[in-house]
Amino acid sequence: MTPLGPVELEIMRNALTAAAAEMDVTIWRTSRSTVVRELLDYSTAVFDAAGHNVAQSARIPQHLNSMGAGLQAVLRDFLPLEQWGEGDVVITNDPYCGGQHIPDILAFRPVFADGRRVAIVGTLCHHLDMGGIAAGSYGATATEVFQEGLRIPPLRLVQGGVLNGEVLAVMRQNVRRPDMLWGDLQAQMASLAVGEANLRRLCARYGADRVVAACAQILDGSERAMRAMIGRIPDGTYEFEDVIDDDGLSDAPIRIHAAITVTGEEMVVDLSGCGPQALGPVNATLASSGSAVMYAVMACADQPIPANAGCARPVRVVAPEGLVVNARHPAPVANRIVVSHRLATTLLGALHGAVPGRIPAAYYGASYVCTFQTIDAAAPRSVLVEIEVGGGGAHPLGDGLSAYSHGMHNNANIPVEMIESEVPLFITEYALLPDSGGAGRRRGGLGLVREWRVDCEEAVFTANLERFKSRPYGLNGGLPGAPGRLLLIRDGAETALPSKAGNLRLRRGDRIRLETSGGGGFGPPDERPAAETAADRRGGYAT
């Protein structure tokens, strides 16, 4: 077959990206839970006929860089593509079967045209609750994955267009909000149907063979662009390390170390120096850690590169099983994003040694996950999952952004009014946190404060937080950002809570106050112009 020309190839690339984007909008418009509809904690992508990511929506880096790895694990170890039929929907949330952590349900649907499989469309949604020892399936005290919620092995939720009601019944029976689970699952399936329809229209217009060929050329093009980018980085080995505060069950810090070796147009990322897997739920599977690697490498690119599976071909990750970055079953992984964030900032710290003009200081580097289950005899129980952010790292050309989603994140916030209208909680404060950004020639972005008050008989609170001890680093003489803090305020008295707290019982009138960390500064603080320092004080960024 004649290769696609540059114009036709660009049309195909944009059509595939538009298909993923329309899938994205479908979930947003049809989902039920606030964690999907408001936080936007979901992703969509289009894969080629062999299951390699070709196009994706502009959603969560943590999801998008690992969905392909998850699909490949499903195909290799559980359900070969030859067993997938038209109208099937395959799902899993098992971290050890291609998933990330139990709240995230992967869903895939094959696309057939002219009697052949031409593509696969996929979605990933963070569901409000999947059971387990804590609301939101974020058990801060879990020591095994079995405690974290309902694990779904790769299976057909829909086969030949027919819903498997028995599988759905098992799922609904094991979660705290079955209505939200089913609503968000329907949104995922609607998204897959939209993606399938768009791919079929594309095949009808250009031919299935041309679509398949376009996918191959798109992957090859991204590989060439990635190799060229790596080739412009000076050869050498660049190392950096940081630490995770603890696993919530002991006070011991967990080492995150990366050694990046660039040789010509290839890169080896060696994570062998990371600490062993932890007893508590801060571990990550290799799919999660691999997503952080690809994020960091692409974030340092000097030119835009279309994000797809081709980008990963020149990058090899070394991470022996049994480390916190490649946990061995049945290690708990609910808070696996701790590793992803810390690995991302560690990798960027290493890359600063290679391309210093492109790399910012550390962003807040944590998903500040707080979950509430409200309990009141006069009303049904409700579940709220909040994921807060902090300050961005300063960079050579400007200050860090404040209270803005960075790195492995791309979440929005849940509006205060939405929370107060749906659950018996009241937001007493939501604001930027002065003085939390690291000082420097360029100032780090500010963290935020968010405070919840319990307005029902009882509530159960769980926290999976980080950066309370190890602060986001500064670069080139910049100072680190402020650490985070969590407080229980009861009867006017403040009690400091650890960053990871499981199933804390609250009563009416109690307040939980979260202060997130700021970003690191860039350059010596004494080089900051006096006019900018004065402006910081006028604007309330600094006191």
Protein backbone atom coordinates (compact mmCIF):
# COMPACT_ATOMS: atom_id res chain seq x y z
CA MET A 1 0.00 0.00 0.00
CA THR A 2 1.20 3.50 -0.80
CA PRO A 3 2.12 5.39 2.39
CA LEU A 4 -0.07 8.30 3.35
CA GLY A 5 1.21 11.69 2.27
CA PRO A 6 1.83 14.43 4.84
CA VAL A 7 -1.53 16.14 4.31
CA GLU A 8 -3.57 12.95 4.47
CA LEU A 9 -1.58 11.77 7.49
CA GLU A 10 -2.22 15.02 9.34
CA ILE A 11 -5.94 14.76 8.57
CA MET A 12 -5.94 11.25 10.00
CA ARG A 13 -3.98 12.29 13.09
CA ASN A 14 -6.38 15.10 13.87
CA ALA A 15 -9.41 12.90 13.19
CA LEU A 16 -8.17 10.28 15.65
CA THR A 17 -7.39 12.93 18.26
CA ALA A 18 -10.84 14.44 17.71
CA ALA A 19 -12.39 11.01 18.26
CA ALA A 20 -10.61 10.73 21.61
CA ALA A 21 -11.67 14.29 22.50
CA GLU A 22 -15.32 13.58 21.68
CA MET A 23 -15.13 10.49 23.89
CA ASP A 24 -13.80 12.79 26.61
CA VAL A 25 -16.74 15.19 26.28
CA THR A 26 -19.19 12.29 26.35
CA ILE A 27 -17.96 11.16 29.77
CA TRP A 28 -17.98 14.70 31.08
CA ARG A 29 -21.58 15.29 29.98
CA THR A 30 -23.02 11.94 31.10
CA SER A 31 -21.12 10.93 34.27
CA ARG A 32 -22.75 10.99 37.70
CA SER A 33 -20.14 11.31 40.45
CA THR A 34 -18.36 14.53 41.37
CA VAL A 35 -14.97 12.81 41.11
CA VAL A 36 -15.59 12.25 37.39
CA ARG A 37 -17.98 15.06 36.47
CA GLU A 38 -16.29 17.87 38.43
CA LEU A 39 -12.74 16.71 39.28
CA LEU A 40 -12.47 15.39 35.69
CA ASP A 41 -10.55 12.35 36.93
CA TYR A 42 -10.88 10.26 33.78
CA SER A 43 -9.19 9.77 30.41
CA THR A 44 -9.95 8.53 26.90
CA ALA A 45 -7.75 7.19 24.10
CA VAL A 46 -7.71 5.48 20.72
CA PHE A 47 -5.47 2.45 20.14
CA ASP A 48 -4.41 0.73 16.94
CA ALA A 49 -5.59 -2.77 16.05
CA ALA A 50 -2.82 -4.30 18.18
CA GLY A 51 -3.59 -2.20 21.26
CA HIS A 52 -0.96 0.54 21.01
CA ASN A 53 -1.98 4.07 22.01
CA VAL A 54 -2.29 6.25 18.89
CA ALA A 55 -4.28 9.29 20.04
CA GLN A 56 -5.56 10.62 23.35
CA SER A 57 -7.57 13.42 24.89
CA ALA A 58 -5.93 16.15 26.95
CA ARG A 59 -6.66 14.56 30.29
CA ILE A 60 -4.65 12.86 33.08
CA PRO A 61 -0.97 12.04 32.32
CA GLN A 62 -1.01 9.35 35.02
CA HIS A 63 -3.83 7.59 33.14
CA LEU A 64 -2.89 8.19 29.55
CA ASN A 65 0.70 7.04 29.75
CA SER A 66 -0.36 3.79 31.44
CA MET A 67 -3.59 2.85 29.65
CA GLY A 68 -1.59 1.31 26.83
CA ALA A 69 0.52 -0.71 29.27
CA GLY A 70 -2.67 -1.87 30.95
CA LEU A 71 -4.23 -2.93 27.65
CA GLN A 72 -1.09 -4.78 26.63
CA ALA A 73 -1.11 -6.67 29.95
CA VAL A 74 -4.74 -7.68 29.40
CA LEU A 75 -4.00 -8.90 25.87
CA ARG A 76 -0.82 -10.73 26.82
CA ASP A 77 -1.93 -12.44 30.01
CA PHE A 78 -5.73 -12.70 30.06
CA LEU A 79 -7.78 -12.05 26.92
CA PRO A 80 -5.92 -12.30 23.58
CA LEU A 81 -7.32 -10.10 20.84
CA GLU A 82 -8.53 -13.15 18.91
CA GLN A 83 -11.16 -13.61 21.63
CA TRP A 84 -12.53 -10.07 21.34
CA GLY A 85 -15.71 -9.76 19.29
CA GLU A 86 -17.80 -6.97 17.88
CA GLY A 87 -19.84 -5.27 20.59
CA ASP A 88 -17.64 -6.48 23.46
CA VAL A 89 -16.61 -4.22 26.33
CA VAL A 90 -13.70 -5.52 28.42
CA ILE A 91 -13.08 -4.02 31.85
CA THR A 92 -10.63 -4.40 34.74
CA ASN A 93 -9.50 -2.43 37.75
CA ASP A 94 -7.01 -4.95 39.15
CA PRO A 95 -3.61 -3.27 39.66
CA TYR A 96 -1.93 -6.61 39.01
CA CYS A 97 -3.87 -7.30 35.81
CA GLY A 98 -3.04 -4.08 33.98
CA GLY A 99 -4.82 -1.57 36.22
CA GLN A 100 -3.39 1.15 38.45
CA HIS A 101 -5.37 1.16 41.68
CA ILE A 102 -8.78 -0.21 42.49
CA PRO A 103 -10.88 3.00 42.05
CA ASP A 104 -9.75 3.21 38.40
CA ILE A 105 -11.79 1.07 35.99
CA LEU A 106 -10.32 0.55 32.54
CA ALA A 107 -12.84 -0.17 29.77
CA PHE A 108 -11.99 -1.12 26.18
CA ARG A 109 -14.03 -1.82 23.06
CA PRO A 110 -12.75 -3.20 19.74
CA VAL A 111 -13.70 -1.42 16.53
CA PHE A 112 -14.46 -3.50 13.45
CA ALA A 113 -14.85 -2.29 9.87
CA ASP A 114 -15.02 -4.27 6.63
CA GLY A 115 -14.99 -7.47 8.66
CA ARG A 116 -11.69 -6.75 10.42
CA ARG A 117 -10.53 -5.18 13.66
CA VAL A 118 -9.11 -1.76 12.87
CA ALA A 119 -8.73 -0.16 16.31
CA ILE A 120 -9.62 -0.29 19.99
CA VAL A 121 -11.12 2.59 21.97
CA GLY A 122 -10.53 2.92 25.69
CA THR A 123 -11.59 4.88 28.74
CA LEU A 124 -10.39 5.07 32.33
CA CYS A 125 -12.55 6.55 35.10
CA HIS A 126 -11.74 7.06 38.75
CA HIS A 127 -14.90 5.75 40.41
CA LEU A 128 -16.24 7.25 43.60
CA ASP A 129 -15.99 4.01 45.58
CA MET A 130 -15.08 0.39 44.92
CA GLY A 131 -15.49 -0.94 48.45
CA GLY A 132 -12.68 -1.84 50.84
CA ILE A 133 -11.85 -0.67 54.34
CA ALA A 134 -12.30 3.05 53.67
CA ALA A 135 -14.74 5.19 51.73
CA GLY A 136 -13.45 5.99 48.27
CA SER A 137 -11.33 2.79 48.41
CA TYR A 138 -8.39 4.76 49.78
CA GLY A 139 -7.57 2.65 52.81
CA ALA A 140 -4.63 4.45 54.42
CA THR A 141 -3.91 1.48 56.70
CA ALA A 142 -4.17 -1.31 54.11
CA THR A 143 -1.30 -3.80 54.09
CA GLU A 144 -2.62 -5.98 51.25
CA VAL A 145 -4.44 -5.22 48.03
CA PHE A 146 -7.25 -7.49 49.22
CA GLN A 147 -8.21 -4.83 51.76
CA GLU A 148 -8.49 -2.05 49.20
CA GLY A 149 -11.76 -2.97 47.49
CA LEU A 150 -13.36 -5.14 44.84
CA ARG A 151 -10.82 -6.38 42.29
CA ILE A 152 -12.24 -7.03 38.84
CA PRO A 153 -10.10 -9.30 36.64
CA PRO A 154 -10.15 -8.63 32.88
CA LEU A 155 -13.62 -9.76 31.76
CA ARG A 156 -16.41 -8.87 29.36
CA LEU A 157 -18.93 -6.59 31.01
CA VAL A 158 -20.65 -6.54 27.62
CA GLN A 159 -20.41 -9.42 25.14
CA GLY A 160 -21.76 -9.05 21.63
CA GLY A 161 -23.72 -6.01 22.75
CA VAL A 162 -25.37 -7.79 25.70
CA LEU A 163 -24.69 -6.54 29.23
CA ASN A 164 -23.55 -9.17 31.74
CA GLY A 165 -26.02 -8.38 34.49
CA GLU A 166 -24.52 -10.88 36.92
CA VAL A 167 -21.11 -9.21 36.83
CA LEU A 168 -22.77 -5.82 37.30
CA ALA A 169 -24.76 -7.17 40.28
CA VAL A 170 -21.56 -8.33 41.98
CA MET A 171 -20.01 -4.91 41.46
CA ARG A 172 -23.03 -3.01 42.78
CA GLN A 173 -23.23 -5.24 45.85
CA ASN A 174 -19.68 -4.40 46.94
CA VAL A 175 -19.56 -0.61 46.72
CA ARG A 176 -20.91 2.17 48.93
CA ARG A 177 -22.67 4.10 46.13
CA PRO A 178 -23.92 1.61 43.52
CA ASP A 179 -25.95 4.32 41.79
CA MET A 180 -22.80 6.35 41.13
CA LEU A 181 -20.85 3.29 40.02
CA TRP A 182 -23.49 2.32 37.47
CA GLY A 183 -23.94 5.90 36.28
CA ASP A 184 -20.21 6.37 35.64
CA LEU A 185 -19.93 2.93 34.00
CA GLN A 186 -22.73 3.92 31.63
CA ALA A 187 -20.80 7.10 30.84
CA GLN A 188 -17.75 5.01 29.99
CA MET A 189 -19.76 2.72 27.73
CA ALA A 190 -21.39 5.68 26.00
CA SER A 191 -17.94 7.14 25.43
CA LEU A 192 -16.73 3.88 23.89
CA ALA A 193 -19.76 3.81 21.58
CA VAL A 194 -19.02 7.35 20.42
CA GLY A 195 -15.39 6.45 19.77
CA GLU A 196 -16.38 3.34 17.83
CA ALA A 197 -18.84 5.32 15.69
CA ASN A 198 -16.20 7.95 14.86
CA LEU A 199 -13.65 5.31 13.87
CA ARG A 200 -16.19 3.55 11.66
CA ARG A 201 -17.04 6.82 9.92
CA LEU A 202 -13.35 7.40 9.34
CA CYS A 203 -13.03 3.92 7.80
CA ALA A 204 -16.11 4.48 5.65
CA ARG A 205 -14.63 7.67 4.25
CA TYR A 206 -10.99 6.68 3.74
CA GLY A 207 -11.03 2.89 3.92
CA ALA A 208 -10.03 0.57 6.75
CA ASP A 209 -6.64 -0.11 5.19
CA ARG A 210 -5.77 3.59 5.14
CA VAL A 211 -6.80 4.02 8.79
CA VAL A 212 -4.66 1.06 9.87
CA ALA A 213 -1.73 2.38 7.82
CA ALA A 214 -2.16 5.85 9.30
CA CYS A 215 -1.94 4.47 12.83
CA ALA A 216 1.36 2.76 12.01
CA GLN A 217 2.80 5.91 10.43
CA ILE A 218 1.69 8.08 13.35
CA LEU A 219 3.49 5.79 15.82
CA ASP A 220 6.61 5.75 13.67
CA GLY A 221 6.55 9.53 13.39
CA SER A 222 6.42 10.02 17.15
CA GLU A 223 9.26 7.54 17.58
CA ARG A 224 11.41 9.52 15.15
CA ALA A 225 10.58 12.79 16.91
CA MET A 226 11.40 11.30 20.31
CA ARG A 227 14.69 9.88 19.08
CA ALA A 228 15.62 13.23 17.61
CA MET A 229 14.79 14.99 20.88
CA ILE A 230 16.85 12.52 22.92
CA GLY A 231 19.66 12.93 20.40
CA ARG A 232 19.80 16.64 21.21
CA ILE A 233 20.40 15.90 24.92
CA PRO A 234 24.12 15.59 25.75
CA ASP A 235 25.22 11.99 26.24
CA GLY A 236 25.86 11.04 29.84
CA THR A 237 24.32 9.73 33.04
CA TYR A 238 22.25 12.08 35.17
CA GLU A 239 21.16 11.17 38.69
CA PHE A 240 18.86 12.64 41.30
CA GLU A 241 17.00 11.43 44.36
CA ASP A 242 14.17 12.49 46.63
CA VAL A 243 12.16 10.78 49.34
CA ILE A 244 8.57 9.86 50.11
CA ASP A 245 7.71 10.94 53.66
CA ASP A 246 6.56 7.50 54.84
CA ASP A 247 4.03 4.77 54.09
CA GLY A 248 1.63 5.78 56.87
CA LEU A 249 2.42 2.73 58.99
CA SER A 250 5.99 3.65 59.92
CA ASP A 251 7.98 6.89 60.02
CA ALA A 252 10.74 5.65 57.74
CA PRO A 253 11.29 7.68 54.55
CA ILE A 254 11.29 5.83 51.22
CA ARG A 255 14.07 6.58 48.75
CA ILE A 256 13.23 7.46 45.14
CA HIS A 257 16.34 7.47 42.96
CA ALA A 258 16.73 7.73 39.20
CA ALA A 259 19.77 7.42 36.95
CA ILE A 260 19.08 8.52 33.37
CA THR A 261 21.64 7.46 30.77
CA VAL A 262 21.49 9.09 27.34
CA THR A 263 23.37 7.40 24.54
CA GLY A 264 22.76 8.80 21.09
CA GLU A 265 19.03 8.66 20.39
CA GLU A 266 18.17 6.25 23.20
CA MET A 267 17.58 6.62 26.92
CA VAL A 268 17.75 4.17 29.82
CA VAL A 269 15.97 5.12 33.04
CA ASP A 270 17.33 3.04 35.89
CA LEU A 271 15.15 2.97 39.01
CA SER A 272 17.08 0.19 40.74
CA GLY A 273 18.16 2.59 43.49
CA CYS A 274 14.60 3.11 44.73
CA GLY A 275 13.59 1.70 48.09
CA PRO A 276 11.86 -1.64 48.60
CA GLN A 277 8.10 -1.88 48.46
CA ALA A 278 6.39 -0.60 51.59
CA LEU A 279 4.01 -2.26 54.00
CA GLY A 280 1.51 0.61 53.60
CA PRO A 281 -0.40 1.53 50.41
CA VAL A 282 2.10 3.90 48.76
CA ASN A 283 3.43 1.30 46.30
CA ALA A 284 3.11 1.48 42.54
CA THR A 285 3.00 -1.13 39.81
CA LEU A 286 5.38 -0.75 36.89
CA ALA A 287 2.56 0.56 34.69
CA SER A 288 2.07 3.49 37.08
CA SER A 289 5.79 4.19 37.39
CA GLY A 290 6.25 3.92 33.64
CA SER A 291 3.66 6.63 33.15
CA ALA A 292 5.75 8.97 35.33
CA VAL A 293 8.85 8.17 33.28
CA MET A 294 7.14 9.02 29.99
CA TYR A 295 5.61 12.17 31.45
CA ALA A 296 8.99 13.48 32.62
CA VAL A 297 10.77 12.65 29.37
CA MET A 298 8.11 14.32 27.26
CA ALA A 299 7.91 17.30 29.62
CA CYS A 300 11.55 18.12 28.93
CA ALA A 301 11.14 18.03 25.15
CA ASP A 302 12.35 21.11 23.31
CA GLN A 303 9.74 20.64 20.56
CA PRO A 304 6.17 19.30 20.64
CA ILE A 305 5.88 15.55 20.09
CA PRO A 306 2.50 13.87 19.42
CA ALA A 307 1.91 11.73 22.50
CA ASN A 308 1.42 8.06 21.72
CA ALA A 309 3.03 4.65 22.17
CA GLY A 310 5.73 5.45 19.61
CA CYS A 311 7.29 7.87 22.09
CA ALA A 312 8.16 4.99 24.43
CA ARG A 313 10.17 2.97 21.92
CA PRO A 314 13.54 4.71 22.51
CA VAL A 315 13.11 4.69 26.32
CA ARG A 316 13.92 1.63 28.43
CA VAL A 317 12.95 1.45 32.11
CA VAL A 318 14.92 -0.71 34.55
CA ALA A 319 13.00 -1.45 37.77
CA PRO A 320 13.40 -4.83 39.47
CA GLU A 321 10.26 -6.33 40.99
CA GLY A 322 9.86 -5.80 44.72
CA LEU A 323 10.73 -2.11 44.72
CA VAL A 324 8.25 0.61 45.66
CA VAL A 325 8.17 1.53 41.95
CA ASN A 326 7.41 -2.06 40.85
CA ALA A 327 5.55 -3.67 43.70
CA ARG A 328 5.03 -7.40 43.94
CA HIS A 329 1.54 -8.83 44.50
CA PRO A 330 -0.24 -8.49 46.93
CA ALA A 331 1.28 -5.17 48.05
CA PRO A 332 -1.33 -2.41 48.60
CA VAL A 333 -1.33 0.35 45.97
CA ALA A 334 -4.27 2.65 46.78
CA ASN A 335 -2.01 5.70 47.09
CA ARG A 336 0.26 4.74 44.19
CA ILE A 337 0.17 8.32 42.93
CA VAL A 338 2.63 9.22 45.71
CA VAL A 339 5.29 7.24 43.86
CA SER A 340 4.27 8.67 40.48
CA HIS A 341 4.51 12.27 41.65
CA ARG A 342 7.79 11.76 43.48
CA LEU A 343 9.25 9.81 40.61
CA ALA A 344 8.24 12.58 38.19
CA THR A 345 9.97 15.29 40.23
CA THR A 346 13.01 13.06 40.74
CA LEU A 347 13.31 12.43 37.01
CA LEU A 348 12.92 16.14 36.29
CA GLY A 349 15.63 16.84 38.86
CA ALA A 350 17.93 14.43 37.01
CA LEU A 351 17.07 15.97 33.63
CA HIS A 352 17.90 19.41 35.03
CA GLY A 353 21.52 18.25 34.95
CA ALA A 354 21.19 17.59 31.22
CA VAL A 355 18.97 20.45 30.01
CA PRO A 356 18.92 23.01 32.84
CA GLY A 357 17.17 25.71 30.87
CA ARG A 358 14.01 23.64 30.44
CA ILE A 359 13.34 22.21 33.90
CA PRO A 360 11.40 23.96 36.69
CA ALA A 361 11.87 23.45 40.41
CA ALA A 362 9.69 20.81 42.05
CA TYR A 363 5.95 21.25 42.01
CA TYR A 364 3.94 20.20 45.09
CA GLY A 365 4.34 16.56 44.09
CA ALA A 366 1.36 14.98 45.83
CA SER A 367 -2.28 14.12 45.30
CA TYR A 368 -3.92 15.48 48.42
CA VAL A 369 -6.67 12.85 48.61
CA CYS A 370 -9.25 13.32 51.36
CA THR A 371 -12.33 11.11 51.57
CA PHE A 372 -15.43 11.53 53.72
CA GLN A 373 -18.31 9.18 54.40
CA THR A 374 -21.17 10.98 56.10
CA ILE A 375 -23.48 9.11 58.48
CA ASP A 376 -26.86 10.43 59.58
CA ALA A 377 -29.92 8.46 60.70
CA ALA A 378 -32.17 10.86 58.79
CA ALA A 379 -30.38 10.60 55.42
CA PRO A 380 -28.60 8.07 53.22
CA ARG A 381 -24.85 7.76 53.59
CA SER A 382 -22.82 9.80 51.12
CA VAL A 383 -19.23 9.62 49.93
CA LEU A 384 -17.02 12.54 48.93
CA VAL A 385 -13.59 12.17 47.35
CA GLU A 386 -11.54 15.38 47.18
CA ILE A 387 -8.15 15.63 45.42
CA GLU A 388 -6.43 18.93 46.12
CA VAL A 389 -3.33 20.42 44.52
CA GLY A 390 -0.55 22.81 45.55
CA GLY A 391 2.01 25.20 44.14
CA GLY A 392 4.01 24.78 40.94
CA GLY A 393 7.77 25.06 40.78
CA ALA A 394 9.37 28.27 39.57
CA HIS A 395 11.32 28.14 36.32
CA PRO A 396 13.98 30.27 34.61
CA LEU A 397 11.41 32.51 32.94
CA GLY A 398 8.80 33.00 35.64
CA ASP A 399 7.21 32.28 39.00
CA GLY A 400 5.42 29.02 39.66
CA LEU A 401 1.65 28.85 39.27
CA SER A 402 -0.39 28.82 42.46
CA ALA A 403 -2.90 26.10 43.43
CA TYR A 404 -2.79 24.71 39.93
CA SER A 405 -2.82 21.10 38.75
CA HIS A 406 0.70 20.05 37.73
CA GLY A 407 2.70 17.04 36.68
CA MET A 408 0.86 13.72 36.84
CA HIS A 409 -2.35 15.65 37.58
CA ASN A 410 -4.78 17.41 35.32
CA ASN A 411 -7.68 17.65 37.74
CA ALA A 412 -10.14 20.46 38.26
CA ASN A 413 -11.58 21.29 41.68
CA ILE A 414 -15.05 20.36 42.87
CA PRO A 415 -16.98 23.61 43.29
CA VAL A 416 -17.87 24.49 46.86
CA GLU A 417 -21.53 24.88 45.95
CA MET A 418 -21.63 21.41 44.38
CA ILE A 419 -20.27 19.78 47.54
CA GLU A 420 -22.59 21.65 49.88
CA SER A 421 -25.65 20.83 47.77
CA GLU A 422 -24.90 17.08 47.64
CA VAL A 423 -23.35 16.12 51.00
CA PRO A 424 -23.77 17.43 54.58
CA LEU A 425 -20.39 19.17 54.64
CA PHE A 426 -19.69 22.91 54.65
CA ILE A 427 -16.54 24.51 53.22
CA THR A 428 -15.49 27.11 55.77
CA GLU A 429 -12.34 28.26 53.93
CA TYR A 430 -10.83 27.84 50.47
CA ALA A 431 -7.94 30.15 49.62
CA LEU A 432 -4.32 30.50 48.59
CA LEU A 433 -1.80 29.96 51.39
CA PRO A 434 0.56 32.97 51.77
CA ASP A 435 4.31 32.30 52.15
CA SER A 436 3.99 28.68 51.00
CA GLY A 437 5.95 29.15 47.75
CA GLY A 438 9.70 28.67 47.88
CA ALA A 439 11.71 31.90 47.74
CA GLY A 440 13.99 32.56 44.79
CA ARG A 441 14.79 34.82 41.88
CA ARG A 442 11.59 33.26 40.64
CA ARG A 443 9.12 32.43 43.41
CA GLY A 444 7.43 29.05 43.74
CA GLY A 445 3.66 28.92 43.40
CA LEU A 446 1.46 28.94 46.48
CA GLY A 447 -0.31 25.98 48.00
CA LEU A 448 -3.89 26.26 49.19
CA VAL A 449 -6.00 25.81 52.28
CA ARG A 450 -9.32 23.97 52.20
CA GLU A 451 -11.40 23.41 55.31
CA TRP A 452 -14.47 21.17 55.68
CA ARG A 453 -17.02 21.27 58.53
CA VAL A 454 -19.17 18.26 59.39
CA ASP A 455 -22.87 19.19 59.36
CA CYS A 456 -24.32 15.75 60.12
CA GLU A 457 -24.36 13.40 63.09
CA GLU A 458 -21.13 11.64 62.18
CA ALA A 459 -18.54 11.28 59.42
CA VAL A 460 -15.56 9.05 58.73
CA PHE A 461 -12.45 10.71 57.30
CA THR A 462 -9.45 9.20 55.56
CA ALA A 463 -6.37 11.07 54.31
CA ASN A 464 -3.74 9.91 51.84
CA LEU A 465 -1.41 12.90 51.70
CA GLU A 466 2.30 13.61 51.30
CA ARG A 467 4.98 16.33 51.39
CA PHE A 468 4.54 16.98 55.10
CA LYS A 469 8.22 16.23 55.81
CA SER A 470 10.11 16.30 52.50
CA ARG A 471 9.58 19.67 50.88
CA PRO A 472 9.42 20.36 47.11
CA TYR A 473 12.99 21.22 46.15
CA GLY A 474 14.23 24.47 44.67
CA LEU A 475 16.79 24.73 41.87
CA ASN A 476 19.81 26.95 41.16
CA GLY A 477 19.81 28.30 44.71
CA GLY A 478 16.03 28.56 45.07
CA LEU A 479 14.49 27.50 48.38
CA PRO A 480 12.04 24.61 48.82
CA GLY A 481 8.31 25.13 49.07
CA ALA A 482 6.53 24.93 52.41
CA PRO A 483 5.41 21.50 53.62
CA GLY A 484 1.77 20.47 53.86
CA ARG A 485 -0.27 20.25 57.06
CA LEU A 486 -3.51 18.58 58.22
CA LEU A 487 -5.48 19.63 61.30
CA LEU A 488 -8.53 18.44 63.18
CA ILE A 489 -10.32 21.40 64.81
CA ARG A 490 -12.72 20.27 67.53
CA ASP A 491 -14.30 22.57 70.12
CA GLY A 492 -11.82 25.29 69.18
CA ALA A 493 -8.73 23.13 69.77
CA GLU A 494 -6.38 22.21 66.91
CA THR A 495 -4.82 18.74 66.70
CA ALA A 496 -2.17 18.03 64.07
CA LEU A 497 -2.89 14.87 62.08
CA PRO A 498 -0.39 12.72 60.18
CA SER A 499 -0.37 12.89 56.39
CA LYS A 500 -1.90 9.44 56.18
CA ALA A 501 -4.86 8.81 58.47
CA GLY A 502 -7.41 6.02 58.22
CA ASN A 503 -11.09 6.07 59.21
CA LEU A 504 -10.96 8.95 61.68
CA ARG A 505 -14.38 9.33 63.32
CA LEU A 506 -15.75 12.87 63.22
CA ARG A 507 -18.80 14.42 64.85
CA ARG A 508 -21.04 17.37 64.08
CA GLY A 509 -19.12 20.66 64.11
CA ASP A 510 -15.67 19.12 63.62
CA ARG A 511 -13.50 20.77 61.01
CA ILE A 512 -10.73 19.26 58.91
CA ARG A 513 -8.19 21.80 57.65
CA LEU A 514 -5.78 20.90 54.85
CA GLU A 515 -2.83 23.10 53.88
CA THR A 516 -1.00 21.94 50.75
CA SER A 517 2.65 22.51 49.92
CA GLY A 518 3.98 25.22 47.67
CA GLY A 519 6.40 24.87 44.78
CA GLY A 520 10.15 25.26 44.93
CA GLY A 521 11.89 28.51 44.04
CA PHE A 522 14.36 29.03 41.20
CA GLY A 523 17.56 31.05 41.59
CA PRO A 524 18.95 32.85 44.66
CA PRO A 525 16.28 34.73 46.66
CA ASP A 526 18.50 37.81 47.01
CA GLU A 527 18.37 38.25 43.22
CA ARG A 528 14.61 38.82 43.18
CA PRO A 529 13.89 42.43 42.17
CA ALA A 530 12.55 44.59 44.99
CA ALA A 531 9.54 45.60 42.88
CA GLU A 532 8.47 41.95 42.52
CA THR A 533 8.90 41.32 46.25
CA ALA A 534 6.74 44.35 46.98
CA ALA A 535 4.13 43.13 44.50
CA ASP A 536 4.08 39.74 46.28
CA ARG A 537 3.25 41.49 49.54
CA ARG A 538 0.57 43.69 47.99
CA GLY A 539 -1.02 40.66 46.33
CA GLY A 540 -1.02 38.57 49.50
CA TYR A 541 1.43 35.99 48.14
CA ALA A 542 3.88 36.80 50.93
CA THR A 543 3.62 38.50 54.29
